[in-house]
């Protein structure tokens, strides 16, 4: 599966189990958040005030 900014947090965590520590580094509690099941990376970044390109880069996902 090709991950993108439109992938859900759950998709990312299933594809990249180490992503939880990356989200945590950005102050995002996505691993335990019920909203993360349906929230996209782009939506989560916006909600947390995190630059999307920085988060995607840290996750190793192409913009």
PDB file of N, CA and C in Angstrom:
ATOM      1  N   UNK A   1       0.844  -1.187   0.000  1.00  0.00           N
ATOM      2  CA  UNK A   1       0.000   0.000   0.000  1.00  0.00           C
ATOM      3  C   UNK A   1       0.887   1.247   0.000  1.00  0.00           C
ATOM      4  N   UNK A   2       0.609   2.164  -0.890  1.00  0.00           N
ATOM      5  CA  UNK A   2       1.353   3.413  -0.943  1.00  0.00           C
ATOM      6  C   UNK A   2       0.707   4.413   0.014  1.00  0.00           C
ATOM      7  N   UNK A   3       1.467   4.845   0.991  1.00  0.00           N
ATOM      8  CA  UNK A   3       0.960   5.813   1.958  1.00  0.00           C
ATOM      9  C   UNK A   3       1.092   7.216   1.394  1.00  0.00           C
ATOM     10  N   UNK A   4       0.141   8.068   1.761  1.00  0.00           N
ATOM     11  CA  UNK A   4       0.151   9.461   1.327  1.00  0.00           C
ATOM     12  C   UNK A   4      -0.426  10.327   2.440  1.00  0.00           C
ATOM     13  N   UNK A   5      -0.502  11.629   2.182  1.00  0.00           N
ATOM     14  CA  UNK A   5      -1.065  12.554   3.167  1.00  0.00           C
ATOM     15  C   UNK A   5      -2.534  12.242   3.439  1.00  0.00           C
ATOM     16  N   UNK A   6      -3.166  11.516   2.520  1.00  0.00           N
ATOM     17  CA  UNK A   6      -4.575  11.164   2.662  1.00  0.00           C
ATOM     18  C   UNK A   6      -4.798   9.806   3.321  1.00  0.00           C
ATOM     19  N   UNK A   7      -3.707   9.136   3.687  1.00  0.00           N
ATOM     20  CA  UNK A   7      -3.822   7.866   4.422  1.00  0.00           C
ATOM     21  C   UNK A   7      -4.238   8.169   5.851  1.00  0.00           C
ATOM     22  N   UNK A   8      -4.975   7.259   6.446  1.00  0.00           N
ATOM     23  CA  UNK A   8      -5.370   7.464   7.843  1.00  0.00           C
ATOM     24  C   UNK A   8      -4.197   7.145   8.773  1.00  0.00           C
ATOM     25  N   UNK A   9      -4.296   7.648   9.977  1.00  0.00           N
ATOM     26  CA  UNK A   9      -3.285   7.345  10.991  1.00  0.00           C
ATOM     27  C   UNK A   9      -3.217   5.836  11.192  1.00  0.00           C
ATOM     28  N   UNK A  10      -4.361   5.181  11.207  1.00  0.00           N
ATOM     29  CA  UNK A  10      -4.397   3.731  11.368  1.00  0.00           C
ATOM     30  C   UNK A  10      -3.651   3.037  10.230  1.00  0.00           C
ATOM     31  N   UNK A  11      -3.850   3.498   8.994  1.00  0.00           N
ATOM     32  CA  UNK A  11      -3.129   2.926   7.848  1.00  0.00           C
ATOM     33  C   UNK A  11      -1.621   3.028   8.063  1.00  0.00           C
ATOM     34  N   UNK A  12      -1.180   4.189   8.498  1.00  0.00           N
ATOM     35  CA  UNK A  12       0.251   4.412   8.703  1.00  0.00           C
ATOM     36  C   UNK A  12       0.781   3.485   9.797  1.00  0.00           C
ATOM     37  N   UNK A  13       0.064   3.407  10.908  1.00  0.00           N
ATOM     38  CA  UNK A  13       0.515   2.562  12.014  1.00  0.00           C
ATOM     39  C   UNK A  13       0.537   1.089  11.627  1.00  0.00           C
ATOM     40  N   UNK A  14      -0.383   0.654  10.785  1.00  0.00           N
ATOM     41  CA  UNK A  14      -0.390  -0.736  10.342  1.00  0.00           C
ATOM     42  C   UNK A  14       0.756  -1.006   9.373  1.00  0.00           C
ATOM     43  N   UNK A  15       1.050  -0.061   8.520  1.00  0.00           N
ATOM     44  CA  UNK A  15       2.109  -0.219   7.522  1.00  0.00           C
ATOM     45  C   UNK A  15       3.500  -0.002   8.122  1.00  0.00           C
ATOM     46  N   UNK A  16       3.583   0.927   9.079  1.00  0.00           N
ATOM     47  CA  UNK A  16       4.865   1.294   9.699  1.00  0.00           C
ATOM     48  C   UNK A  16       4.696   1.313  11.213  1.00  0.00           C
ATOM     49  N   UNK A  17       4.835   0.164  11.851  1.00  0.00           N
ATOM     50  CA  UNK A  17       4.625   0.100  13.309  1.00  0.00           C
ATOM     51  C   UNK A  17       5.491   1.076  14.116  1.00  0.00           C
ATOM     52  N   UNK A  18       6.650   1.449  13.598  1.00  0.00           N
ATOM     53  CA  UNK A  18       7.520   2.395  14.296  1.00  0.00           C
ATOM     54  C   UNK A  18       7.017   3.838  14.211  1.00  0.00           C
ATOM     55  N   UNK A  19       5.978   4.068  13.420  1.00  0.00           N
ATOM     56  CA  UNK A  19       5.445   5.427  13.249  1.00  0.00           C
ATOM     57  C   UNK A  19       4.893   5.997  14.553  1.00  0.00           C
ATOM     58  N   UNK A  20       4.490   5.142  15.474  1.00  0.00           N
ATOM     59  CA  UNK A  20       3.973   5.624  16.751  1.00  0.00           C
ATOM     60  C   UNK A  20       4.964   6.518  17.465  1.00  0.00           C
ATOM     61  N   UNK A  21       6.236   6.150  17.432  1.00  0.00           N
ATOM     62  CA  UNK A  21       7.256   6.972  18.099  1.00  0.00           C
ATOM     63  C   UNK A  21       7.472   8.288  17.353  1.00  0.00           C
ATOM     64  N   UNK A  22       7.270   8.280  16.055  1.00  0.00           N
ATOM     65  CA  UNK A  22       7.405   9.518  15.273  1.00  0.00           C
ATOM     66  C   UNK A  22       6.258  10.464  15.593  1.00  0.00           C
ATOM     67  N   UNK A  23       5.038   9.932  15.644  1.00  0.00           N
ATOM     68  CA  UNK A  23       3.897  10.769  16.032  1.00  0.00           C
ATOM     69  C   UNK A  23       4.122  11.343  17.440  1.00  0.00           C
ATOM     70  N   UNK A  24       4.618  10.518  18.344  1.00  0.00           N
ATOM     71  CA  UNK A  24       4.867  10.967  19.718  1.00  0.00           C
ATOM     72  C   UNK A  24       5.906  12.086  19.747  1.00  0.00           C
ATOM     73  N   UNK A  25       6.919  11.980  18.909  1.00  0.00           N
ATOM     74  CA  UNK A  25       7.967  13.006  18.851  1.00  0.00           C
ATOM     75  C   UNK A  25       7.382  14.361  18.457  1.00  0.00           C
ATOM     76  N   UNK A  26       6.305  14.344  17.687  1.00  0.00           N
ATOM     77  CA  UNK A  26       5.634  15.575  17.275  1.00  0.00           C
ATOM     78  C   UNK A  26       4.548  15.993  18.274  1.00  0.00           C
ATOM     79  N   UNK A  27       4.444  15.267  19.382  1.00  0.00           N
ATOM     80  CA  UNK A  27       3.455  15.599  20.398  1.00  0.00           C
ATOM     81  C   UNK A  27       2.062  15.118  20.062  1.00  0.00           C
ATOM     82  N   UNK A  28       1.983  14.121  19.214  1.00  0.00           N
ATOM     83  CA  UNK A  28       0.690  13.600  18.773  1.00  0.00           C
ATOM     84  C   UNK A  28       0.438  12.263  19.466  1.00  0.00           C
ATOM     85  N   UNK A  29      -0.696  12.143  20.123  1.00  0.00           N
ATOM     86  CA  UNK A  29      -1.046  10.906  20.807  1.00  0.00           C
ATOM     87  C   UNK A  29      -1.865   9.985  19.919  1.00  0.00           C
ATOM     88  N   UNK A  30      -1.507   9.911  18.666  1.00  0.00           N
ATOM     89  CA  UNK A  30      -2.305   9.193  17.672  1.00  0.00           C
ATOM     90  C   UNK A  30      -2.454   7.699  17.945  1.00  0.00           C
ATOM     91  N   UNK A  31      -1.478   7.108  18.581  1.00  0.00           N
ATOM     92  CA  UNK A  31      -1.526   5.665  18.804  1.00  0.00           C
ATOM     93  C   UNK A  31      -2.734   5.288  19.654  1.00  0.00           C
ATOM     94  N   UNK A  32      -3.034   6.073  20.667  1.00  0.00           N
ATOM     95  CA  UNK A  32      -4.148   5.748  21.547  1.00  0.00           C
ATOM     96  C   UNK A  32      -5.417   6.547  21.288  1.00  0.00           C
ATOM     97  N   UNK A  33      -5.423   7.328  20.231  1.00  0.00           N
ATOM     98  CA  UNK A  33      -6.560   8.204  19.965  1.00  0.00           C
ATOM     99  C   UNK A  33      -7.586   7.519  19.069  1.00  0.00           C
ATOM    100  N   UNK A  34      -8.833   7.518  19.501  1.00  0.00           N
ATOM    101  CA  UNK A  34      -9.900   6.894  18.714  1.00  0.00           C
ATOM    102  C   UNK A  34     -10.130   7.614  17.384  1.00  0.00           C
ATOM    103  N   UNK A  35      -9.879   8.901  17.346  1.00  0.00           N
ATOM    104  CA  UNK A  35     -10.071   9.673  16.122  1.00  0.00           C
ATOM    105  C   UNK A  35      -9.073   9.237  15.051  1.00  0.00           C
ATOM    106  N   UNK A  36      -7.893   8.772  15.467  1.00  0.00           N
ATOM    107  CA  UNK A  36      -6.848   8.375  14.537  1.00  0.00           C
ATOM    108  C   UNK A  36      -7.245   7.264  13.587  1.00  0.00           C
ATOM    109  N   UNK A  37      -8.263   6.509  13.929  1.00  0.00           N
ATOM    110  CA  UNK A  37      -8.702   5.418  13.045  1.00  0.00           C
ATOM    111  C   UNK A  37      -9.206   5.954  11.708  1.00  0.00           C
ATOM    112  N   UNK A  38      -9.795   7.143  11.708  1.00  0.00           N
ATOM    113  CA  UNK A  38     -10.350   7.684  10.474  1.00  0.00           C
ATOM    114  C   UNK A  38      -9.741   9.001  10.043  1.00  0.00           C
ATOM    115  N   UNK A  39      -8.880   9.565  10.868  1.00  0.00           N
ATOM    116  CA  UNK A  39      -8.269  10.864  10.563  1.00  0.00           C
ATOM    117  C   UNK A  39      -7.066  10.670   9.644  1.00  0.00           C
ATOM    118  N   UNK A  40      -6.956  11.504   8.633  1.00  0.00           N
ATOM    119  CA  UNK A  40      -5.820  11.408   7.724  1.00  0.00           C
ATOM    120  C   UNK A  40      -4.596  12.089   8.330  1.00  0.00           C
ATOM    121  N   UNK A  41      -3.451  11.805   7.742  1.00  0.00           N
ATOM    122  CA  UNK A  41      -2.214  12.448   8.193  1.00  0.00           C
ATOM    123  C   UNK A  41      -2.348  13.960   8.050  1.00  0.00           C
ATOM    124  N   UNK A  42      -2.898  14.401   6.930  1.00  0.00           N
ATOM    125  CA  UNK A  42      -3.059  15.844   6.688  1.00  0.00           C
ATOM    126  C   UNK A  42      -3.979  16.473   7.726  1.00  0.00           C
ATOM    127  N   UNK A  43      -5.079  15.811   8.042  1.00  0.00           N
ATOM    128  CA  UNK A  43      -6.011  16.342   9.049  1.00  0.00           C
ATOM    129  C   UNK A  43      -5.360  16.389  10.428  1.00  0.00           C
ATOM    130  N   UNK A  44      -4.623  15.350  10.776  1.00  0.00           N
ATOM    131  CA  UNK A  44      -3.968  15.298  12.088  1.00  0.00           C
ATOM    132  C   UNK A  44      -2.907  16.383  12.206  1.00  0.00           C
ATOM    133  N   UNK A  45      -2.129  16.578  11.148  1.00  0.00           N
ATOM    134  CA  UNK A  45      -1.103  17.617  11.165  1.00  0.00           C
ATOM    135  C   UNK A  45      -1.741  18.991  11.358  1.00  0.00           C
ATOM    136  N   UNK A  46      -2.825  19.248  10.630  1.00  0.00           N
ATOM    137  CA  UNK A  46      -3.518  20.535  10.747  1.00  0.00           C
ATOM    138  C   UNK A  46      -4.086  20.722  12.150  1.00  0.00           C
ATOM    139  N   UNK A  47      -4.671  19.672  12.708  1.00  0.00           N
ATOM    140  CA  UNK A  47      -5.278  19.760  14.037  1.00  0.00           C
ATOM    141  C   UNK A  47      -4.242  20.027  15.123  1.00  0.00           C
ATOM    142  N   UNK A  48      -3.018  19.557  14.894  1.00  0.00           N
ATOM    143  CA  UNK A  48      -1.968  19.719  15.896  1.00  0.00           C
ATOM    144  C   UNK A  48      -1.024  20.875  15.576  1.00  0.00           C
ATOM    145  N   UNK A  49      -1.288  21.594  14.478  1.00  0.00           N
ATOM    146  CA  UNK A  49      -0.444  22.729  14.109  1.00  0.00           C
ATOM    147  C   UNK A  49       0.956  22.327  13.684  1.00  0.00           C
ATOM    148  N   UNK A  50       1.068  21.168  13.039  1.00  0.00           N
ATOM    149  CA  UNK A  50       2.364  20.643  12.613  1.00  0.00           C
ATOM    150  C   UNK A  50       2.474  20.806  11.101  1.00  0.00           C
ATOM    151  N   UNK A  51       3.614  21.321  10.612  1.00  0.00           N
ATOM    152  CA  UNK A  51       3.780  21.430   9.160  1.00  0.00           C
ATOM    153  C   UNK A  51       3.702  20.042   8.516  1.00  0.00           C
ATOM    154  N   UNK A  52       2.803  19.889   7.568  1.00  0.00           N
ATOM    155  CA  UNK A  52       2.555  18.601   6.946  1.00  0.00           C
ATOM    156  C   UNK A  52       3.821  18.030   6.313  1.00  0.00           C
ATOM    157  N   UNK A  53       4.586  18.871   5.616  1.00  0.00           N
ATOM    158  CA  UNK A  53       5.786  18.357   4.947  1.00  0.00           C
ATOM    159  C   UNK A  53       6.801  17.806   5.940  1.00  0.00           C
ATOM    160  N   UNK A  54       6.919  18.413   7.118  1.00  0.00           N
ATOM    161  CA  UNK A  54       7.839  17.907   8.141  1.00  0.00           C
ATOM    162  C   UNK A  54       7.386  16.551   8.666  1.00  0.00           C
ATOM    163  N   UNK A  55       6.094  16.405   8.895  1.00  0.00           N
ATOM    164  CA  UNK A  55       5.565  15.139   9.394  1.00  0.00           C
ATOM    165  C   UNK A  55       5.720  14.048   8.349  1.00  0.00           C
ATOM    166  N   UNK A  56       5.376  14.345   7.095  1.00  0.00           N
ATOM    167  CA  UNK A  56       5.517  13.352   6.033  1.00  0.00           C
ATOM    168  C   UNK A  56       6.972  12.922   5.886  1.00  0.00           C
ATOM    169  N   UNK A  57       7.878  13.873   5.929  1.00  0.00           N
ATOM    170  CA  UNK A  57       9.302  13.567   5.811  1.00  0.00           C
ATOM    171  C   UNK A  57       9.756  12.653   6.950  1.00  0.00           C
ATOM    172  N   UNK A  58       9.347  12.959   8.165  1.00  0.00           N
ATOM    173  CA  UNK A  58       9.729  12.143   9.311  1.00  0.00           C
ATOM    174  C   UNK A  58       9.175  10.727   9.203  1.00  0.00           C
ATOM    175  N   UNK A  59       7.993  10.605   8.606  1.00  0.00           N
ATOM    176  CA  UNK A  59       7.350   9.293   8.431  1.00  0.00           C
ATOM    177  C   UNK A  59       7.878   8.551   7.198  1.00  0.00           C
ATOM    178  N   UNK A  60       8.669   9.248   6.374  1.00  0.00           N
ATOM    179  CA  UNK A  60       9.194   8.631   5.159  1.00  0.00           C
ATOM    180  C   UNK A  60       8.142   8.463   4.086  1.00  0.00           C
ATOM    181  N   UNK A  61       7.203   9.418   4.023  1.00  0.00           N
ATOM    182  CA  UNK A  61       6.121   9.362   3.054  1.00  0.00           C
ATOM    183  C   UNK A  61       6.294  10.509   2.066  1.00  0.00           C
ATOM    184  N   UNK A  62       6.242  10.188   0.791  1.00  0.00           N
ATOM    185  CA  UNK A  62       6.394  11.208  -0.249  1.00  0.00           C
ATOM    186  C   UNK A  62       5.174  12.112  -0.296  1.00  0.00           C
ATOM    187  N   UNK A  63       5.438  13.396  -0.476  1.00  0.00           N
ATOM    188  CA  UNK A  63       4.343  14.367  -0.581  1.00  0.00           C
ATOM    189  C   UNK A  63       3.739  14.203  -1.921  1.00  0.00           C
TER     190      UNK A  63
END
